[in-house]
PDB file of all heavy atoms in Angstrom:
ATOM      1  N   GLU A   1       8.913 -10.406 -14.044  1.00  0.00           N
ATOM      2  CA  GLU A   1      10.145  -9.878 -14.658  1.00  0.00           C
ATOM      3  C   GLU A   1       9.818  -8.733 -15.620  1.00  0.00           C
ATOM      4  O   GLU A   1      10.474  -7.684 -15.618  1.00  0.00           O
ATOM      5  CB  GLU A   1      10.868 -10.993 -15.396  1.00  0.00           C
ATOM      6  CG  GLU A   1      12.155 -10.556 -16.069  1.00  0.00           C
ATOM      7  CD  GLU A   1      12.809 -11.679 -16.858  1.00  0.00           C
ATOM      8  OE1 GLU A   1      12.461 -12.856 -16.611  1.00  0.00           O
ATOM      9  OE2 GLU A   1      13.654 -11.372 -17.715  1.00  0.00           O
ATOM     10  N   ALA A   2       8.778  -8.930 -16.444  1.00  0.00           N
ATOM     11  CA  ALA A   2       8.364  -7.881 -17.387  1.00  0.00           C
ATOM     12  C   ALA A   2       7.900  -6.635 -16.641  1.00  0.00           C
ATOM     13  O   ALA A   2       8.173  -5.502 -17.057  1.00  0.00           O
ATOM     14  CB  ALA A   2       7.255  -8.401 -18.293  1.00  0.00           C
ATOM     15  N   ALA A   3       7.217  -6.840 -15.512  1.00  0.00           N
ATOM     16  CA  ALA A   3       6.733  -5.713 -14.717  1.00  0.00           C
ATOM     17  C   ALA A   3       7.891  -4.929 -14.116  1.00  0.00           C
ATOM     18  O   ALA A   3       7.862  -3.693 -14.076  1.00  0.00           O
ATOM     19  CB  ALA A   3       5.801  -6.211 -13.614  1.00  0.00           C
ATOM     20  N   ARG A   4       8.914  -5.627 -13.670  1.00  0.00           N
ATOM     21  CA  ARG A   4      10.080  -4.932 -13.096  1.00  0.00           C
ATOM     22  C   ARG A   4      10.771  -4.066 -14.134  1.00  0.00           C
ATOM     23  O   ARG A   4      11.228  -2.954 -13.836  1.00  0.00           O
ATOM     24  CB  ARG A   4      11.066  -5.956 -12.515  1.00  0.00           C
ATOM     25  CG  ARG A   4      10.615  -6.599 -11.225  1.00  0.00           C
ATOM     26  CD  ARG A   4      11.703  -7.471 -10.614  1.00  0.00           C
ATOM     27  NE  ARG A   4      11.191  -8.252  -9.502  1.00  0.00           N
ATOM     28  CZ  ARG A   4      11.046  -7.782  -8.270  1.00  0.00           C
ATOM     29  NH1 ARG A   4      11.399  -6.532  -7.997  1.00  0.00           N
ATOM     30  NH2 ARG A   4      10.572  -8.555  -7.309  1.00  0.00           N
ATOM     31  N   VAL A   5      10.853  -4.547 -15.350  1.00  0.00           N
ATOM     32  CA  VAL A   5      11.489  -3.779 -16.429  1.00  0.00           C
ATOM     33  C   VAL A   5      10.750  -2.463 -16.641  1.00  0.00           C
ATOM     34  O   VAL A   5      11.365  -1.384 -16.728  1.00  0.00           O
ATOM     35  CB  VAL A   5      11.513  -4.599 -17.733  1.00  0.00           C
ATOM     36  CG1 VAL A   5      11.914  -3.715 -18.917  1.00  0.00           C
ATOM     37  CG2 VAL A   5      12.474  -5.768 -17.605  1.00  0.00           C
ATOM     38  N   GLN A   6       9.421  -2.518 -16.722  1.00  0.00           N
ATOM     39  CA  GLN A   6       8.645  -1.297 -16.946  1.00  0.00           C
ATOM     40  C   GLN A   6       8.669  -0.377 -15.735  1.00  0.00           C
ATOM     41  O   GLN A   6       8.718   0.851 -15.883  1.00  0.00           O
ATOM     42  CB  GLN A   6       7.204  -1.643 -17.334  1.00  0.00           C
ATOM     43  CG  GLN A   6       7.063  -2.366 -18.650  1.00  0.00           C
ATOM     44  CD  GLN A   6       7.577  -1.559 -19.834  1.00  0.00           C
ATOM     45  OE1 GLN A   6       7.822  -0.351 -19.750  1.00  0.00           O
ATOM     46  NE2 GLN A   6       7.770  -2.230 -20.965  1.00  0.00           N
ATOM     47  N   LEU A   7       8.658  -0.952 -14.547  1.00  0.00           N
ATOM     48  CA  LEU A   7       8.725  -0.110 -13.341  1.00  0.00           C
ATOM     49  C   LEU A   7      10.044   0.652 -13.273  1.00  0.00           C
ATOM     50  O   LEU A   7      10.067   1.826 -12.896  1.00  0.00           O
ATOM     51  CB  LEU A   7       8.545  -0.968 -12.083  1.00  0.00           C
ATOM     52  CG  LEU A   7       7.136  -1.048 -11.512  1.00  0.00           C
ATOM     53  CD1 LEU A   7       7.105  -2.016 -10.330  1.00  0.00           C
ATOM     54  CD2 LEU A   7       6.621   0.321 -11.099  1.00  0.00           C
ATOM     55  N   ARG A   8      11.131  -0.012 -13.606  1.00  0.00           N
ATOM     56  CA  ARG A   8      12.432   0.675 -13.591  1.00  0.00           C
ATOM     57  C   ARG A   8      12.445   1.821 -14.594  1.00  0.00           C
ATOM     58  O   ARG A   8      13.081   2.853 -14.364  1.00  0.00           O
ATOM     59  CB  ARG A   8      13.560  -0.315 -13.900  1.00  0.00           C
ATOM     60  CG  ARG A   8      13.926  -1.214 -12.737  1.00  0.00           C
ATOM     61  CD  ARG A   8      15.261  -1.907 -12.962  1.00  0.00           C
ATOM     62  NE  ARG A   8      15.229  -2.830 -14.087  1.00  0.00           N
ATOM     63  CZ  ARG A   8      14.934  -4.119 -13.978  1.00  0.00           C
ATOM     64  NH1 ARG A   8      14.629  -4.642 -12.777  1.00  0.00           N
ATOM     65  NH2 ARG A   8      14.930  -4.903 -15.045  1.00  0.00           N
ATOM     66  N   ARG A   9      11.729   1.653 -15.693  1.00  0.00           N
ATOM     67  CA  ARG A   9      11.679   2.696 -16.716  1.00  0.00           C
ATOM     68  C   ARG A   9      10.773   3.848 -16.301  1.00  0.00           C
ATOM     69  O   ARG A   9      11.101   5.019 -16.472  1.00  0.00           O
ATOM     70  CB  ARG A   9      11.201   2.095 -18.036  1.00  0.00           C
ATOM     71  CG  ARG A   9      10.979   3.118 -19.149  1.00  0.00           C
ATOM     72  CD  ARG A   9      10.511   2.460 -20.424  1.00  0.00           C
ATOM     73  NE  ARG A   9      11.600   1.751 -21.089  1.00  0.00           N
ATOM     74  CZ  ARG A   9      11.606   0.446 -21.359  1.00  0.00           C
ATOM     75  NH1 ARG A   9      10.575  -0.291 -20.997  1.00  0.00           N
ATOM     76  NH2 ARG A   9      12.628  -0.106 -21.972  1.00  0.00           N
ATOM     77  N   VAL A  10       9.594   3.516 -15.752  1.00  0.00           N
ATOM     78  CA  VAL A  10       8.559   4.527 -15.508  1.00  0.00           C
ATOM     79  C   VAL A  10       8.672   5.148 -14.117  1.00  0.00           C
ATOM     80  O   VAL A  10       8.470   6.354 -13.954  1.00  0.00           O
ATOM     81  CB  VAL A  10       7.150   3.900 -15.689  1.00  0.00           C
ATOM     82  CG1 VAL A  10       6.054   4.919 -15.375  1.00  0.00           C
ATOM     83  CG2 VAL A  10       6.978   3.373 -17.108  1.00  0.00           C
ATOM     84  N   ALA A  11       8.986   4.354 -13.113  1.00  0.00           N
ATOM     85  CA  ALA A  11       9.015   4.840 -11.726  1.00  0.00           C
ATOM     86  C   ALA A  11      10.227   4.253 -10.996  1.00  0.00           C
ATOM     87  O   ALA A  11      10.083   3.426 -10.098  1.00  0.00           O
ATOM     88  CB  ALA A  11       7.718   4.462 -11.003  1.00  0.00           C
ATOM     89  N   PRO A  12      11.434   4.678 -11.361  1.00  0.00           N
ATOM     90  CA  PRO A  12      12.647   4.046 -10.833  1.00  0.00           C
ATOM     91  C   PRO A  12      12.842   4.212  -9.335  1.00  0.00           C
ATOM     92  O   PRO A  12      13.556   3.413  -8.723  1.00  0.00           O
ATOM     93  CB  PRO A  12      13.768   4.734 -11.626  1.00  0.00           C
ATOM     94  CG  PRO A  12      13.183   6.023 -12.096  1.00  0.00           C
ATOM     95  CD  PRO A  12      11.742   5.750 -12.337  1.00  0.00           C
ATOM     96  N   THR A  13      12.235   5.226  -8.729  1.00  0.00           N
ATOM     97  CA  THR A  13      12.434   5.447  -7.287  1.00  0.00           C
ATOM     98  C   THR A  13      11.337   4.817  -6.438  1.00  0.00           C
ATOM     99  O   THR A  13      11.400   4.884  -5.205  1.00  0.00           O
ATOM    100  CB  THR A  13      12.493   6.953  -6.983  1.00  0.00           C
ATOM    101  OG1 THR A  13      11.236   7.556  -7.326  1.00  0.00           O
ATOM    102  CG2 THR A  13      13.605   7.622  -7.774  1.00  0.00           C
ATOM    103  N   LEU A  14      10.354   4.201  -7.067  1.00  0.00           N
ATOM    104  CA  LEU A  14       9.223   3.627  -6.326  1.00  0.00           C
ATOM    105  C   LEU A  14       9.506   2.170  -5.988  1.00  0.00           C
ATOM    106  O   LEU A  14       9.868   1.374  -6.856  1.00  0.00           O
ATOM    107  CB  LEU A  14       7.951   3.725  -7.178  1.00  0.00           C
ATOM    108  CG  LEU A  14       6.611   3.415  -6.502  1.00  0.00           C
ATOM    109  CD1 LEU A  14       6.364   4.365  -5.339  1.00  0.00           C
ATOM    110  CD2 LEU A  14       5.489   3.527  -7.526  1.00  0.00           C
ATOM    111  N   SER A  15       9.348   1.811  -4.713  1.00  0.00           N
ATOM    112  CA  SER A  15       9.609   0.431  -4.289  1.00  0.00           C
ATOM    113  C   SER A  15       8.570  -0.519  -4.885  1.00  0.00           C
ATOM    114  O   SER A  15       7.361  -0.324  -4.697  1.00  0.00           O
ATOM    115  CB  SER A  15       9.552   0.320  -2.767  1.00  0.00           C
ATOM    116  OG  SER A  15       9.552  -1.038  -2.366  1.00  0.00           O
ATOM    117  N   PRO A  16       8.995  -1.572  -5.580  1.00  0.00           N
ATOM    118  CA  PRO A  16       8.044  -2.525  -6.165  1.00  0.00           C
ATOM    119  C   PRO A  16       7.215  -3.262  -5.123  1.00  0.00           C
ATOM    120  O   PRO A  16       6.114  -3.735  -5.426  1.00  0.00           O
ATOM    121  CB  PRO A  16       8.948  -3.509  -6.925  1.00  0.00           C
ATOM    122  CG  PRO A  16      10.246  -2.794  -7.110  1.00  0.00           C
ATOM    123  CD  PRO A  16      10.373  -1.900  -5.921  1.00  0.00           C
ATOM    124  N   GLU A  17       7.755  -3.370  -3.904  1.00  0.00           N
ATOM    125  CA  GLU A  17       7.058  -4.129  -2.867  1.00  0.00           C
ATOM    126  C   GLU A  17       6.057  -3.293  -2.066  1.00  0.00           C
ATOM    127  O   GLU A  17       5.293  -3.829  -1.269  1.00  0.00           O
ATOM    128  CB  GLU A  17       8.075  -4.753  -1.902  1.00  0.00           C
ATOM    129  CG  GLU A  17       9.177  -5.539  -2.582  1.00  0.00           C
ATOM    130  CD  GLU A  17       8.655  -6.540  -3.615  1.00  0.00           C
ATOM    131  OE1 GLU A  17       7.622  -7.174  -3.345  1.00  0.00           O
ATOM    132  OE2 GLU A  17       9.262  -6.667  -4.686  1.00  0.00           O
ATOM    133  N   ARG A  18       6.049  -2.014  -2.284  1.00  0.00           N
ATOM    134  CA  ARG A  18       5.096  -1.141  -1.604  1.00  0.00           C
ATOM    135  C   ARG A  18       3.675  -1.457  -2.056  1.00  0.00           C
ATOM    136  O   ARG A  18       3.444  -1.747  -3.238  1.00  0.00           O
ATOM    137  CB  ARG A  18       5.439   0.306  -1.918  1.00  0.00           C
ATOM    138  CG  ARG A  18       4.558   1.340  -1.267  1.00  0.00           C
ATOM    139  CD  ARG A  18       5.048   2.728  -1.611  1.00  0.00           C
ATOM    140  NE  ARG A  18       4.101   3.757  -1.245  1.00  0.00           N
ATOM    141  CZ  ARG A  18       4.263   5.048  -1.531  1.00  0.00           C
ATOM    142  NH1 ARG A  18       5.337   5.453  -2.186  1.00  0.00           N
ATOM    143  NH2 ARG A  18       3.359   5.928  -1.149  1.00  0.00           N
ATOM    144  N   THR A  19       2.707  -1.417  -1.135  1.00  0.00           N
ATOM    145  CA  THR A  19       1.332  -1.639  -1.553  1.00  0.00           C
ATOM    146  C   THR A  19       0.813  -0.400  -2.279  1.00  0.00           C
ATOM    147  O   THR A  19       1.273   0.716  -2.029  1.00  0.00           O
ATOM    148  CB  THR A  19       0.416  -1.953  -0.366  1.00  0.00           C
ATOM    149  OG1 THR A  19       0.459  -0.858   0.554  1.00  0.00           O
ATOM    150  CG2 THR A  19       0.832  -3.233   0.332  1.00  0.00           C
ATOM    151  N   ALA A  20      -0.145  -0.619  -3.163  1.00  0.00           N
ATOM    152  CA  ALA A  20      -0.681   0.489  -3.952  1.00  0.00           C
ATOM    153  C   ALA A  20      -1.496   1.452  -3.099  1.00  0.00           C
ATOM    154  O   ALA A  20      -1.664   2.614  -3.459  1.00  0.00           O
ATOM    155  CB  ALA A  20      -1.535  -0.043  -5.090  1.00  0.00           C
ATOM    156  N   ARG A  21      -1.984   0.960  -1.958  1.00  0.00           N
ATOM    157  CA  ARG A  21      -2.729   1.843  -1.056  1.00  0.00           C
ATOM    158  C   ARG A  21      -1.808   2.948  -0.544  1.00  0.00           C
ATOM    159  O   ARG A  21      -0.701   2.717  -0.100  1.00  0.00           O
ATOM    160  CB  ARG A  21      -3.270   1.061   0.131  1.00  0.00           C
ATOM    161  CG  ARG A  21      -4.111   1.885   1.108  1.00  0.00           C
ATOM    162  CD  ARG A  21      -4.542   1.069   2.310  1.00  0.00           C
ATOM    163  NE  ARG A  21      -5.528   0.053   1.931  1.00  0.00           N
ATOM    164  CZ  ARG A  21      -5.289  -1.253   1.897  1.00  0.00           C
ATOM    165  NH1 ARG A  21      -4.062  -1.698   2.201  1.00  0.00           N
ATOM    166  NH2 ARG A  21      -6.219  -2.100   1.559  1.00  0.00           N
ATOM    167  N   GLY A  22      -2.253   4.185  -0.651  1.00  0.00           N
ATOM    168  CA  GLY A  22      -1.469   5.297  -0.146  1.00  0.00           C
ATOM    169  C   GLY A  22      -0.546   5.938  -1.165  1.00  0.00           C
ATOM    170  O   GLY A  22       0.170   6.887  -0.824  1.00  0.00           O
ATOM    171  N   LEU A  23      -0.555   5.446  -2.397  1.00  0.00           N
ATOM    172  CA  LEU A  23       0.245   6.105  -3.429  1.00  0.00           C
ATOM    173  C   LEU A  23      -0.279   7.513  -3.681  1.00  0.00           C
ATOM    174  O   LEU A  23      -1.487   7.755  -3.630  1.00  0.00           O
ATOM    175  CB  LEU A  23       0.194   5.315  -4.741  1.00  0.00           C
ATOM    176  CG  LEU A  23       0.886   3.951  -4.786  1.00  0.00           C
ATOM    177  CD1 LEU A  23       0.607   3.292  -6.133  1.00  0.00           C
ATOM    178  CD2 LEU A  23       2.373   4.073  -4.536  1.00  0.00           C
ATOM    179  N   SER A  24       0.608   8.432  -3.968  1.00  0.00           N
ATOM    180  CA  SER A  24       0.171   9.770  -4.369  1.00  0.00           C
ATOM    181  C   SER A  24      -0.461   9.695  -5.758  1.00  0.00           C
ATOM    182  O   SER A  24      -0.341   8.686  -6.469  1.00  0.00           O
ATOM    183  CB  SER A  24       1.354  10.731  -4.393  1.00  0.00           C
ATOM    184  OG  SER A  24       2.221  10.404  -5.466  1.00  0.00           O
ATOM    185  N   GLY A  25      -1.103  10.773  -6.162  1.00  0.00           N
ATOM    186  CA  GLY A  25      -1.726  10.793  -7.481  1.00  0.00           C
ATOM    187  C   GLY A  25      -0.731  10.562  -8.595  1.00  0.00           C
ATOM    188  O   GLY A  25      -0.974   9.783  -9.523  1.00  0.00           O
ATOM    189  N   GLY A  26       0.427  11.231  -8.502  1.00  0.00           N
ATOM    190  CA  GLY A  26       1.454  11.061  -9.516  1.00  0.00           C
ATOM    191  C   GLY A  26       2.034   9.662  -9.533  1.00  0.00           C
ATOM    192  O   GLY A  26       2.309   9.099 -10.606  1.00  0.00           O
ATOM    193  N   GLU A  27       2.225   9.073  -8.351  1.00  0.00           N
ATOM    194  CA  GLU A  27       2.732   7.698  -8.270  1.00  0.00           C
ATOM    195  C   GLU A  27       1.733   6.718  -8.867  1.00  0.00           C
ATOM    196  O   GLU A  27       2.119   5.785  -9.591  1.00  0.00           O
ATOM    197  CB  GLU A  27       3.031   7.345  -6.812  1.00  0.00           C
ATOM    198  CG  GLU A  27       4.237   8.055  -6.239  1.00  0.00           C
ATOM    199  CD  GLU A  27       4.382   7.875  -4.747  1.00  0.00           C
ATOM    200  OE1 GLU A  27       3.362   7.586  -4.066  1.00  0.00           O
ATOM    201  OE2 GLU A  27       5.514   8.029  -4.242  1.00  0.00           O
ATOM    202  N   ALA A  28       0.452   6.926  -8.579  1.00  0.00           N
ATOM    203  CA  ALA A  28      -0.578   6.038  -9.134  1.00  0.00           C
ATOM    204  C   ALA A  28      -0.610   6.130 -10.654  1.00  0.00           C
ATOM    205  O   ALA A  28      -0.787   5.118 -11.350  1.00  0.00           O
ATOM    206  CB  ALA A  28      -1.945   6.388  -8.551  1.00  0.00           C
ATOM    207  N   GLN A  29      -0.421   7.333 -11.191  1.00  0.00           N
ATOM    208  CA  GLN A  29      -0.380   7.490 -12.651  1.00  0.00           C
ATOM    209  C   GLN A  29       0.798   6.720 -13.234  1.00  0.00           C
ATOM    210  O   GLN A  29       0.667   6.056 -14.271  1.00  0.00           O
ATOM    211  CB  GLN A  29      -0.284   8.965 -13.023  1.00  0.00           C
ATOM    212  CG  GLN A  29      -1.607   9.705 -12.958  1.00  0.00           C
ATOM    213  CD  GLN A  29      -1.435  11.183 -13.236  1.00  0.00           C
ATOM    214  OE1 GLN A  29      -1.365  11.991 -12.327  1.00  0.00           O
ATOM    215  NE2 GLN A  29      -1.365  11.543 -14.502  1.00  0.00           N
ATOM    216  N   ALA A  30       1.943   6.816 -12.597  1.00  0.00           N
ATOM    217  CA  ALA A  30       3.129   6.113 -13.086  1.00  0.00           C
ATOM    218  C   ALA A  30       2.919   4.601 -13.054  1.00  0.00           C
ATOM    219  O   ALA A  30       3.278   3.891 -14.000  1.00  0.00           O
ATOM    220  CB  ALA A  30       4.355   6.504 -12.265  1.00  0.00           C
TER     221      ALA A  30
END
């Protein structure tokens, strides 16, 4: 739940269920 709150703040367009493999550099930073 805490992770979802921060994800919505930092990377609102990024799917939480997506695997981290294949993230762009900017997405990985977020």
